[in-house]
Each structure stands twice: as C-alpha cells, then as structure tokens.
Amino acid sequence: MNLAWYDWVGLAGTLAILGAFFLLQAGRLSGTGLPYQLLNLFGAGGVLVSLLGKFNVSVFLLESAWMAISAYGIVRTLRAKASPSPTH
C-alpha cells in the first residue's frame, strides 16, 4: 500500500472524528465542549484534504457540512463562555 501525504492527512482526520465520537459515547467528552468540536472540525478538514487524491462530491459535501456545523458549535461555545451567566 503506497499512500500519498494527503491520504495520511485523511486517515488522521478519520481517526480524529472517530476518536471524538468514541470519547463522546464513553462519557469522556461533552458534545458541546471545545475539544469535541475541534476534533470534528480538524478531522473533517483532514478528510477534505484527502480528496486532493481522488475527488468525491458526496464526501466533499458531507465533510464541508461537518466543518461548518463544527465551526458553528465552536462559535456558540465561545460566545457562551464570554457572556456572563445570570445569577439568581
């Protein structure tokens, strides 16, 4: 098996996404936590890079949406941390 650099980046991205999902299911990460969201963002980006070898429109759309949703979650998390929480 002869893998190009972009194949290795794609494999790392796949492992990041699967690892994040496993850690979420194992209760080790929060779905709204920054580490989970960053693993998904960079994982999807890695899979997108792998498309430099052989383009696949379905994977492109899936991973682009995955990155957009992850970016939205990151912004939402950062805004929630920046705004003061109401006290009773």
PDB file of N, CA and C in Angstrom:
ATOM      1  N   MET A   1       0.851  -1.169   0.000  1.00  0.00           N
ATOM      2  CA  MET A   1       0.000   0.000   0.000  1.00  0.00           C
ATOM      3  C   MET A   1       0.899   1.236   0.000  1.00  0.00           C
ATOM      4  N   ASN A   2       0.751   2.041  -1.031  1.00  0.00           N
ATOM      5  CA  ASN A   2       1.549   3.249  -1.175  1.00  0.00           C
ATOM      6  C   ASN A   2       0.633   4.460  -1.008  1.00  0.00           C
ATOM      7  N   LEU A   3       0.724   5.106   0.150  1.00  0.00           N
ATOM      8  CA  LEU A   3      -0.148   6.234   0.446  1.00  0.00           C
ATOM      9  C   LEU A   3       0.584   7.555   0.246  1.00  0.00           C
ATOM     10  N   ALA A   4      -0.108   8.515  -0.367  1.00  0.00           N
ATOM     11  CA  ALA A   4       0.421   9.867  -0.532  1.00  0.00           C
ATOM     12  C   ALA A   4       0.196  10.639   0.767  1.00  0.00           C
ATOM     13  N   TRP A   5       0.821  11.804   0.874  1.00  0.00           N
ATOM     14  CA  TRP A   5       0.707  12.612   2.089  1.00  0.00           C
ATOM     15  C   TRP A   5      -0.748  12.957   2.394  1.00  0.00           C
ATOM     16  N   TYR A   6      -1.535  13.259   1.358  1.00  0.00           N
ATOM     17  CA  TYR A   6      -2.935  13.633   1.600  1.00  0.00           C
ATOM     18  C   TYR A   6      -3.756  12.438   2.078  1.00  0.00           C
ATOM     19  N   ASP A   7      -3.344  11.224   1.729  1.00  0.00           N
ATOM     20  CA  ASP A   7      -4.001  10.041   2.269  1.00  0.00           C
ATOM     21  C   ASP A   7      -3.770   9.937   3.773  1.00  0.00           C
ATOM     22  N   TRP A   8      -2.544  10.217   4.198  1.00  0.00           N
ATOM     23  CA  TRP A   8      -2.218  10.177   5.629  1.00  0.00           C
ATOM     24  C   TRP A   8      -2.991  11.246   6.394  1.00  0.00           C
ATOM     25  N   VAL A   9      -3.134  12.431   5.792  1.00  0.00           N
ATOM     26  CA  VAL A   9      -3.912  13.503   6.429  1.00  0.00           C
ATOM     27  C   VAL A   9      -5.371  13.065   6.555  1.00  0.00           C
ATOM     28  N   GLY A  10      -5.897  12.439   5.517  1.00  0.00           N
ATOM     29  CA  GLY A  10      -7.271  11.947   5.556  1.00  0.00           C
ATOM     30  C   GLY A  10      -7.472  10.866   6.606  1.00  0.00           C
ATOM     31  N   LEU A  11      -6.510   9.966   6.726  1.00  0.00           N
ATOM     32  CA  LEU A  11      -6.594   8.927   7.766  1.00  0.00           C
ATOM     33  C   LEU A  11      -6.563   9.545   9.163  1.00  0.00           C
ATOM     34  N   ALA A  12      -5.701  10.533   9.355  1.00  0.00           N
ATOM     35  CA  ALA A  12      -5.645  11.221  10.651  1.00  0.00           C
ATOM     36  C   ALA A  12      -6.971  11.919  10.936  1.00  0.00           C
ATOM     37  N   GLY A  13      -7.562  12.522   9.919  1.00  0.00           N
ATOM     38  CA  GLY A  13      -8.862  13.163  10.087  1.00  0.00           C
ATOM     39  C   GLY A  13      -9.942  12.166  10.458  1.00  0.00           C
ATOM     40  N   THR A  14      -9.945  11.038   9.794  1.00  0.00           N
ATOM     41  CA  THR A  14     -10.913   9.993  10.092  1.00  0.00           C
ATOM     42  C   THR A  14     -10.752   9.511  11.532  1.00  0.00           C
ATOM     43  N   LEU A  15      -9.509   9.296  11.957  1.00  0.00           N
ATOM     44  CA  LEU A  15      -9.259   8.868  13.334  1.00  0.00           C
ATOM     45  C   LEU A  15      -9.692   9.929  14.339  1.00  0.00           C
ATOM     46  N   ALA A  16      -9.508  11.208  14.001  1.00  0.00           N
ATOM     47  CA  ALA A  16      -9.930  12.289  14.900  1.00  0.00           C
ATOM     48  C   ALA A  16     -11.446  12.273  15.084  1.00  0.00           C
ATOM     49  N   ILE A  17     -12.187  12.139  13.983  1.00  0.00           N
ATOM     50  CA  ILE A  17     -13.652  12.117  14.062  1.00  0.00           C
ATOM     51  C   ILE A  17     -14.133  10.886  14.831  1.00  0.00           C
ATOM     52  N   LEU A  18     -13.589   9.722  14.493  1.00  0.00           N
ATOM     53  CA  LEU A  18     -14.000   8.500  15.186  1.00  0.00           C
ATOM     54  C   LEU A  18     -13.598   8.527  16.656  1.00  0.00           C
ATOM     55  N   GLY A  19     -12.409   9.044  16.939  1.00  0.00           N
ATOM     56  CA  GLY A  19     -11.966   9.162  18.322  1.00  0.00           C
ATOM     57  C   GLY A  19     -12.858  10.091  19.125  1.00  0.00           C
ATOM     58  N   ALA A  20     -13.231  11.213  18.525  1.00  0.00           N
ATOM     59  CA  ALA A  20     -14.123  12.154  19.200  1.00  0.00           C
ATOM     60  C   ALA A  20     -15.470  11.504  19.489  1.00  0.00           C
ATOM     61  N   PHE A  21     -15.997  10.777  18.515  1.00  0.00           N
ATOM     62  CA  PHE A  21     -17.287  10.120  18.700  1.00  0.00           C
ATOM     63  C   PHE A  21     -17.210   9.050  19.785  1.00  0.00           C
ATOM     64  N   PHE A  22     -16.126   8.278  19.781  1.00  0.00           N
ATOM     65  CA  PHE A  22     -15.949   7.265  20.822  1.00  0.00           C
ATOM     66  C   PHE A  22     -15.872   7.916  22.204  1.00  0.00           C
ATOM     67  N   LEU A  23     -15.078   8.974  22.335  1.00  0.00           N
ATOM     68  CA  LEU A  23     -14.941   9.645  23.625  1.00  0.00           C
ATOM     69  C   LEU A  23     -16.257  10.266  24.079  1.00  0.00           C
ATOM     70  N   LEU A  24     -17.056  10.740  23.139  1.00  0.00           N
ATOM     71  CA  LEU A  24     -18.384  11.257  23.472  1.00  0.00           C
ATOM     72  C   LEU A  24     -19.262  10.137  24.019  1.00  0.00           C
ATOM     73  N   GLN A  25     -19.274   9.003  23.329  1.00  0.00           N
ATOM     74  CA  GLN A  25     -20.096   7.865  23.754  1.00  0.00           C
ATOM     75  C   GLN A  25     -19.616   7.289  25.082  1.00  0.00           C
ATOM     76  N   ALA A  26     -18.321   7.365  25.333  1.00  0.00           N
ATOM     77  CA  ALA A  26     -17.751   6.842  26.577  1.00  0.00           C
ATOM     78  C   ALA A  26     -17.928   7.822  27.733  1.00  0.00           C
ATOM     79  N   GLY A  27     -18.497   8.983  27.460  1.00  0.00           N
ATOM     80  CA  GLY A  27     -18.707   9.975  28.508  1.00  0.00           C
ATOM     81  C   GLY A  27     -17.460  10.746  28.882  1.00  0.00           C
ATOM     82  N   ARG A  28     -16.435  10.682  28.046  1.00  0.00           N
ATOM     83  CA  ARG A  28     -15.172  11.371  28.343  1.00  0.00           C
ATOM     84  C   ARG A  28     -15.132  12.787  27.768  1.00  0.00           C
ATOM     85  N   LEU A  29     -15.995  13.075  26.789  1.00  0.00           N
ATOM     86  CA  LEU A  29     -16.096  14.408  26.199  1.00  0.00           C
ATOM     87  C   LEU A  29     -17.550  14.850  26.199  1.00  0.00           C
ATOM     88  N   SER A  30     -17.744  16.153  26.262  1.00  0.00           N
ATOM     89  CA  SER A  30     -19.079  16.731  26.136  1.00  0.00           C
ATOM     90  C   SER A  30     -19.302  17.118  24.683  1.00  0.00           C
ATOM     91  N   GLY A  31     -20.491  16.872  24.190  1.00  0.00           N
ATOM     92  CA  GLY A  31     -20.818  17.223  22.817  1.00  0.00           C
ATOM     93  C   GLY A  31     -20.801  18.713  22.558  1.00  0.00           C
ATOM     94  N   THR A  32     -20.912  19.510  23.608  1.00  0.00           N
ATOM     95  CA  THR A  32     -20.850  20.964  23.450  1.00  0.00           C
ATOM     96  C   THR A  32     -19.496  21.524  23.871  1.00  0.00           C
ATOM     97  N   GLY A  33     -18.574  20.649  24.211  1.00  0.00           N
ATOM     98  CA  GLY A  33     -17.253  21.092  24.639  1.00  0.00           C
ATOM     99  C   GLY A  33     -16.341  21.409  23.469  1.00  0.00           C
ATOM    100  N   LEU A  34     -15.437  22.306  23.691  1.00  0.00           N
ATOM    101  CA  LEU A  34     -14.499  22.741  22.654  1.00  0.00           C
ATOM    102  C   LEU A  34     -13.619  21.604  22.126  1.00  0.00           C
ATOM    103  N   PRO A  35     -13.094  20.713  22.968  1.00  0.00           N
ATOM    104  CA  PRO A  35     -12.259  19.624  22.426  1.00  0.00           C
ATOM    105  C   PRO A  35     -13.005  18.744  21.417  1.00  0.00           C
ATOM    106  N   TYR A  36     -14.241  18.403  21.713  1.00  0.00           N
ATOM    107  CA  TYR A  36     -15.034  17.572  20.804  1.00  0.00           C
ATOM    108  C   TYR A  36     -15.251  18.295  19.478  1.00  0.00           C
ATOM    109  N   GLN A  37     -15.595  19.561  19.558  1.00  0.00           N
ATOM    110  CA  GLN A  37     -15.868  20.343  18.352  1.00  0.00           C
ATOM    111  C   GLN A  37     -14.611  20.543  17.511  1.00  0.00           C
ATOM    112  N   LEU A  38     -13.482  20.765  18.159  1.00  0.00           N
ATOM    113  CA  LEU A  38     -12.221  20.939  17.419  1.00  0.00           C
ATOM    114  C   LEU A  38     -11.777  19.639  16.756  1.00  0.00           C
ATOM    115  N   LEU A  39     -11.948  18.522  17.443  1.00  0.00           N
ATOM    116  CA  LEU A  39     -11.615  17.233  16.827  1.00  0.00           C
ATOM    117  C   LEU A  39     -12.447  17.002  15.573  1.00  0.00           C
ATOM    118  N   ASN A  40     -13.723  17.359  15.630  1.00  0.00           N
ATOM    119  CA  ASN A  40     -14.584  17.218  14.463  1.00  0.00           C
ATOM    120  C   ASN A  40     -14.194  18.181  13.346  1.00  0.00           C
ATOM    121  N   LEU A  41     -13.892  19.422  13.701  1.00  0.00           N
ATOM    122  CA  LEU A  41     -13.504  20.424  12.696  1.00  0.00           C
ATOM    123  C   LEU A  41     -12.236  20.009  11.966  1.00  0.00           C
ATOM    124  N   PHE A  42     -11.203  19.683  12.727  1.00  0.00           N
ATOM    125  CA  PHE A  42      -9.934  19.315  12.094  1.00  0.00           C
ATOM    126  C   PHE A  42     -10.004  17.942  11.431  1.00  0.00           C
ATOM    127  N   GLY A  43     -10.796  17.054  11.999  1.00  0.00           N
ATOM    128  CA  GLY A  43     -10.981  15.752  11.367  1.00  0.00           C
ATOM    129  C   GLY A  43     -11.634  15.872  10.006  1.00  0.00           C
ATOM    130  N   ALA A  44     -12.695  16.643   9.930  1.00  0.00           N
ATOM    131  CA  ALA A  44     -13.375  16.838   8.647  1.00  0.00           C
ATOM    132  C   ALA A  44     -12.456  17.550   7.659  1.00  0.00           C
ATOM    133  N   GLY A  45     -11.666  18.494   8.158  1.00  0.00           N
ATOM    134  CA  GLY A  45     -10.703  19.166   7.285  1.00  0.00           C
ATOM    135  C   GLY A  45      -9.681  18.201   6.718  1.00  0.00           C
ATOM    136  N   GLY A  46      -9.232  17.260   7.544  1.00  0.00           N
ATOM    137  CA  GLY A  46      -8.288  16.252   7.076  1.00  0.00           C
ATOM    138  C   GLY A  46      -8.879  15.367   5.997  1.00  0.00           C
ATOM    139  N   VAL A  47     -10.136  14.985   6.177  1.00  0.00           N
ATOM    140  CA  VAL A  47     -10.795  14.169   5.155  1.00  0.00           C
ATOM    141  C   VAL A  47     -10.937  14.974   3.864  1.00  0.00           C
ATOM    142  N   LEU A  48     -11.241  16.263   3.978  1.00  0.00           N
ATOM    143  CA  LEU A  48     -11.328  17.109   2.776  1.00  0.00           C
ATOM    144  C   LEU A  48      -9.988  17.168   2.050  1.00  0.00           C
ATOM    145  N   VAL A  49      -8.903  17.280   2.788  1.00  0.00           N
ATOM    146  CA  VAL A  49      -7.572  17.312   2.176  1.00  0.00           C
ATOM    147  C   VAL A  49      -7.324  16.022   1.395  1.00  0.00           C
ATOM    148  N   SER A  50      -7.811  14.911   1.924  1.00  0.00           N
ATOM    149  CA  SER A  50      -7.587  13.626   1.247  1.00  0.00           C
ATOM    150  C   SER A  50      -8.248  13.582  -0.131  1.00  0.00           C
ATOM    151  N   LEU A  51      -9.205  14.449  -0.365  1.00  0.00           N
ATOM    152  CA  LEU A  51      -9.880  14.482  -1.661  1.00  0.00           C
ATOM    153  C   LEU A  51      -8.999  15.055  -2.766  1.00  0.00           C
ATOM    154  N   LEU A  52      -7.839  15.572  -2.388  1.00  0.00           N
ATOM    155  CA  LEU A  52      -6.888  16.019  -3.414  1.00  0.00           C
ATOM    156  C   LEU A  52      -6.438  14.845  -4.277  1.00  0.00           C
ATOM    157  N   GLY A  53      -6.449  13.652  -3.711  1.00  0.00           N
ATOM    158  CA  GLY A  53      -6.050  12.453  -4.445  1.00  0.00           C
ATOM    159  C   GLY A  53      -7.109  11.997  -5.416  1.00  0.00           C
ATOM    160  N   LYS A  54      -8.300  11.848  -4.927  1.00  0.00           N
ATOM    161  CA  LYS A  54      -9.422  11.449  -5.776  1.00  0.00           C
ATOM    162  C   LYS A  54     -10.666  12.130  -5.239  1.00  0.00           C
ATOM    163  N   PHE A  55     -11.232  13.026  -6.033  1.00  0.00           N
ATOM    164  CA  PHE A  55     -12.385  13.811  -5.598  1.00  0.00           C
ATOM    165  C   PHE A  55     -13.640  12.962  -5.572  1.00  0.00           C
ATOM    166  N   ASN A  56     -14.458  13.198  -4.545  1.00  0.00           N
ATOM    167  CA  ASN A  56     -15.740  12.521  -4.388  1.00  0.00           C
ATOM    168  C   ASN A  56     -16.724  13.576  -3.901  1.00  0.00           C
ATOM    169  N   VAL A  57     -17.707  13.914  -4.723  1.00  0.00           N
ATOM    170  CA  VAL A  57     -18.613  15.013  -4.389  1.00  0.00           C
ATOM    171  C   VAL A  57     -19.417  14.733  -3.119  1.00  0.00           C
ATOM    172  N   SER A  58     -19.816  13.492  -2.899  1.00  0.00           N
ATOM    173  CA  SER A  58     -20.586  13.161  -1.693  1.00  0.00           C
ATOM    174  C   SER A  58     -19.762  13.392  -0.433  1.00  0.00           C
ATOM    175  N   VAL A  59     -18.527  12.941  -0.445  1.00  0.00           N
ATOM    176  CA  VAL A  59     -17.647  13.139   0.713  1.00  0.00           C
ATOM    177  C   VAL A  59     -17.349  14.625   0.890  1.00  0.00           C
ATOM    178  N   PHE A  60     -17.158  15.341  -0.206  1.00  0.00           N
ATOM    179  CA  PHE A  60     -16.908  16.775  -0.139  1.00  0.00           C
ATOM    180  C   PHE A  60     -18.069  17.496   0.545  1.00  0.00           C
ATOM    181  N   LEU A  61     -19.295  17.194   0.136  1.00  0.00           N
ATOM    182  CA  LEU A  61     -20.466  17.846   0.734  1.00  0.00           C
ATOM    183  C   LEU A  61     -20.622  17.472   2.205  1.00  0.00           C
ATOM    184  N   LEU A  62     -20.435  16.197   2.519  1.00  0.00           N
ATOM    185  CA  LEU A  62     -20.560  15.744   3.900  1.00  0.00           C
ATOM    186  C   LEU A  62     -19.535  16.429   4.801  1.00  0.00           C
ATOM    187  N   GLU A  63     -18.280  16.408   4.403  1.00  0.00           N
ATOM    188  CA  GLU A  63     -17.221  16.964   5.255  1.00  0.00           C
ATOM    189  C   GLU A  63     -17.270  18.489   5.311  1.00  0.00           C
ATOM    190  N   SER A  64     -17.707  19.131   4.233  1.00  0.00           N
ATOM    191  CA  SER A  64     -17.884  20.588   4.259  1.00  0.00           C
ATOM    192  C   SER A  64     -18.968  20.972   5.258  1.00  0.00           C
ATOM    193  N   ALA A  65     -20.082  20.238   5.230  1.00  0.00           N
ATOM    194  CA  ALA A  65     -21.152  20.489   6.194  1.00  0.00           C
ATOM    195  C   ALA A  65     -20.681  20.188   7.614  1.00  0.00           C
ATOM    196  N   TRP A  66     -19.897  19.114   7.776  1.00  0.00           N
ATOM    197  CA  TRP A  66     -19.362  18.738   9.092  1.00  0.00           C
ATOM    198  C   TRP A  66     -18.492  19.870   9.652  1.00  0.00           C
ATOM    199  N   MET A  67     -17.665  20.444   8.783  1.00  0.00           N
ATOM    200  CA  MET A  67     -16.812  21.558   9.222  1.00  0.00           C
ATOM    201  C   MET A  67     -17.649  22.790   9.569  1.00  0.00           C
ATOM    202  N   ALA A  68     -18.653  23.091   8.748  1.00  0.00           N
ATOM    203  CA  ALA A  68     -19.492  24.267   9.010  1.00  0.00           C
ATOM    204  C   ALA A  68     -20.245  24.119  10.328  1.00  0.00           C
ATOM    205  N   ILE A  69     -20.793  22.948  10.575  1.00  0.00           N
ATOM    206  CA  ILE A  69     -21.525  22.718  11.819  1.00  0.00           C
ATOM    207  C   ILE A  69     -20.580  22.753  13.015  1.00  0.00           C
ATOM    208  N   SER A  70     -19.391  22.196  12.860  1.00  0.00           N
ATOM    209  CA  SER A  70     -18.394  22.246  13.936  1.00  0.00           C
ATOM    210  C   SER A  70     -17.979  23.682  14.222  1.00  0.00           C
ATOM    211  N   ALA A  71     -17.767  24.472  13.176  1.00  0.00           N
ATOM    212  CA  ALA A  71     -17.396  25.884  13.348  1.00  0.00           C
ATOM    213  C   ALA A  71     -18.514  26.643  14.065  1.00  0.00           C
ATOM    214  N   TYR A  72     -19.757  26.369  13.692  1.00  0.00           N
ATOM    215  CA  TYR A  72     -20.898  26.982  14.373  1.00  0.00           C
ATOM    216  C   TYR A  72     -20.885  26.623  15.863  1.00  0.00           C
ATOM    217  N   GLY A  73     -20.661  25.364  16.174  1.00  0.00           N
ATOM    218  CA  GLY A  73     -20.609  24.930  17.567  1.00  0.00           C
ATOM    219  C   GLY A  73     -19.490  25.604  18.343  1.00  0.00           C
ATOM    220  N   ILE A  74     -18.341  25.772  17.696  1.00  0.00           N
ATOM    221  CA  ILE A  74     -17.214  26.435  18.347  1.00  0.00           C
ATOM    222  C   ILE A  74     -17.555  27.889  18.659  1.00  0.00           C
ATOM    223  N   VAL A  75     -18.122  28.586  17.690  1.00  0.00           N
ATOM    224  CA  VAL A  75     -18.503  29.991  17.902  1.00  0.00           C
ATOM    225  C   VAL A  75     -19.542  30.084  19.010  1.00  0.00           C
ATOM    226  N   ARG A  76     -20.507  29.198  18.993  1.00  0.00           N
ATOM    227  CA  ARG A  76     -21.553  29.198  20.019  1.00  0.00           C
ATOM    228  C   ARG A  76     -20.972  28.948  21.404  1.00  0.00           C
ATOM    229  N   THR A  77     -20.054  28.001  21.500  1.00  0.00           N
ATOM    230  CA  THR A  77     -19.411  27.702  22.780  1.00  0.00           C
ATOM    231  C   THR A  77     -18.589  28.892  23.278  1.00  0.00           C
ATOM    232  N   LEU A  78     -17.822  29.503  22.383  1.00  0.00           N
ATOM    233  CA  LEU A  78     -17.002  30.645  22.788  1.00  0.00           C
ATOM    234  C   LEU A  78     -17.850  31.841  23.200  1.00  0.00           C
ATOM    235  N   ARG A  79     -18.954  32.062  22.510  1.00  0.00           N
ATOM    236  CA  ARG A  79     -19.856  33.162  22.893  1.00  0.00           C
ATOM    237  C   ARG A  79     -20.498  32.896  24.250  1.00  0.00           C
ATOM    238  N   ALA A  80     -20.864  31.647  24.497  1.00  0.00           N
ATOM    239  CA  ALA A  80     -21.480  31.298  25.781  1.00  0.00           C
ATOM    240  C   ALA A  80     -20.489  31.501  26.926  1.00  0.00           C
ATOM    241  N   LYS A  81     -19.216  31.185  26.681  1.00  0.00           N
ATOM    242  CA  LYS A  81     -18.203  31.374  27.724  1.00  0.00           C
ATOM    243  C   LYS A  81     -17.907  32.848  27.957  1.00  0.00           C
ATOM    244  N   ALA A  82     -18.042  33.660  26.904  1.00  0.00           N
ATOM    245  CA  ALA A  82     -17.719  35.085  27.007  1.00  0.00           C
ATOM    246  C   ALA A  82     -18.832  35.870  27.692  1.00  0.00           C
ATOM    247  N   SER A  83     -20.081  35.419  27.554  1.00  0.00           N
ATOM    248  CA  SER A  83     -21.184  36.162  28.157  1.00  0.00           C
ATOM    249  C   SER A  83     -21.360  35.744  29.610  1.00  0.00           C
ATOM    250  N   PRO A  84     -21.589  36.722  30.467  1.00  0.00           N
ATOM    251  CA  PRO A  84     -21.765  36.393  31.889  1.00  0.00           C
ATOM    252  C   PRO A  84     -23.060  35.612  32.095  1.00  0.00           C
ATOM    253  N   SER A  85     -22.985  34.609  32.945  1.00  0.00           N
ATOM    254  CA  SER A  85     -24.177  33.811  33.241  1.00  0.00           C
ATOM    255  C   SER A  85     -25.012  34.532  34.298  1.00  0.00           C
ATOM    256  N   PRO A  86     -26.323  34.481  34.135  1.00  0.00           N
ATOM    257  CA  PRO A  86     -27.186  35.156  35.125  1.00  0.00           C
ATOM    258  C   PRO A  86     -27.136  34.417  36.461  1.00  0.00           C
ATOM    259  N   THR A  87     -27.145  35.191  37.517  1.00  0.00           N
ATOM    260  CA  THR A  87     -27.162  34.609  38.864  1.00  0.00           C
ATOM    261  C   THR A  87     -28.504  34.901  39.510  1.00  0.00           C
ATOM    262  N   HIS A  88     -28.948  34.002  40.323  1.00  0.00           N
ATOM    263  CA  HIS A  88     -30.252  34.165  40.983  1.00  0.00           C
ATOM    264  C   HIS A  88     -30.063  34.519  42.403  1.00  0.00           C
TER     265      HIS A  88
END
